Protein backbone atom coordinates (compact mmCIF):
# COMPACT_ATOMS: atom_id res chain seq x y z
CA MET A 1 0.53 1.02 -1.89
CA LEU A 2 -0.37 3.79 0.46
CA LEU A 3 0.44 7.32 -0.68
CA GLN A 4 0.03 10.57 1.16
CA ALA A 5 -3.08 12.19 -0.33
CA GLN A 6 -3.16 15.32 1.80
CA GLU A 7 -1.21 16.63 4.78
CA ARG A 8 -2.47 14.02 7.25
CA SER A 9 -4.18 11.33 5.17
CA LEU A 10 -3.13 8.30 3.17
CA LYS A 11 -4.78 6.82 0.10
CA VAL A 12 -4.66 3.22 -1.13
CA VAL A 13 -3.70 3.15 -4.82
CA GLU A 14 -2.48 0.54 -7.27
CA PHE A 15 1.30 0.38 -7.35
CA ASP A 16 2.84 2.74 -9.88
CA ARG A 17 6.61 2.90 -9.87
CA LYS A 18 6.78 6.46 -11.25
CA LYS A 19 4.30 7.76 -8.65
CA ALA A 20 6.14 5.97 -5.86
CA ILE A 21 9.50 7.43 -6.89
CA ALA A 22 8.01 10.91 -7.33
CA SER A 23 6.45 10.75 -3.86
CA LEU A 24 9.71 9.60 -2.30
CA ASP A 25 11.57 12.39 -4.10
CA GLU A 26 9.10 14.85 -2.51
CA GLY A 27 9.80 13.39 0.91
CA LYS A 28 6.32 11.84 1.18
CA PRO A 29 5.80 8.36 2.60
CA VAL A 30 5.16 5.38 0.34
CA ILE A 31 4.01 2.23 2.12
CA PRO A 32 3.78 -1.01 0.13
CA VAL A 33 0.73 -3.11 0.99
CA TRP A 34 0.27 -6.62 -0.38
CA LEU A 35 -3.46 -7.12 0.13
CA ASP A 36 -3.48 -10.47 -1.66
CA GLU A 37 -0.79 -11.80 0.71
CA ILE A 38 -2.67 -10.49 3.74
CA TYR A 39 -5.91 -12.05 2.49
CA GLN A 40 -4.28 -15.45 1.83
CA LYS A 41 -2.64 -15.58 5.26
CA LEU A 42 -5.84 -14.52 6.97
CA ALA A 43 -7.83 -17.14 5.04
CA LEU A 44 -5.34 -19.83 6.08
CA LYS A 45 -5.57 -18.83 9.73
CA LEU A 46 -9.37 -18.84 9.57
CA GLY A 47 -9.39 -22.19 7.74
CA LYS A 48 -11.02 -20.82 4.60
CA SER A 49 -8.38 -21.65 2.00
């Protein structure tokens, strides 16, 4: 997931439900990112599965 690290930057971190909820409670963005899904779909499109 992407979490706001500083005022104008995001940081990729492993999903942690408590951190995600705390960030949302603070009004900070939490963006889920499924890198394994993205990789699989990209590999299929490139014919490398």
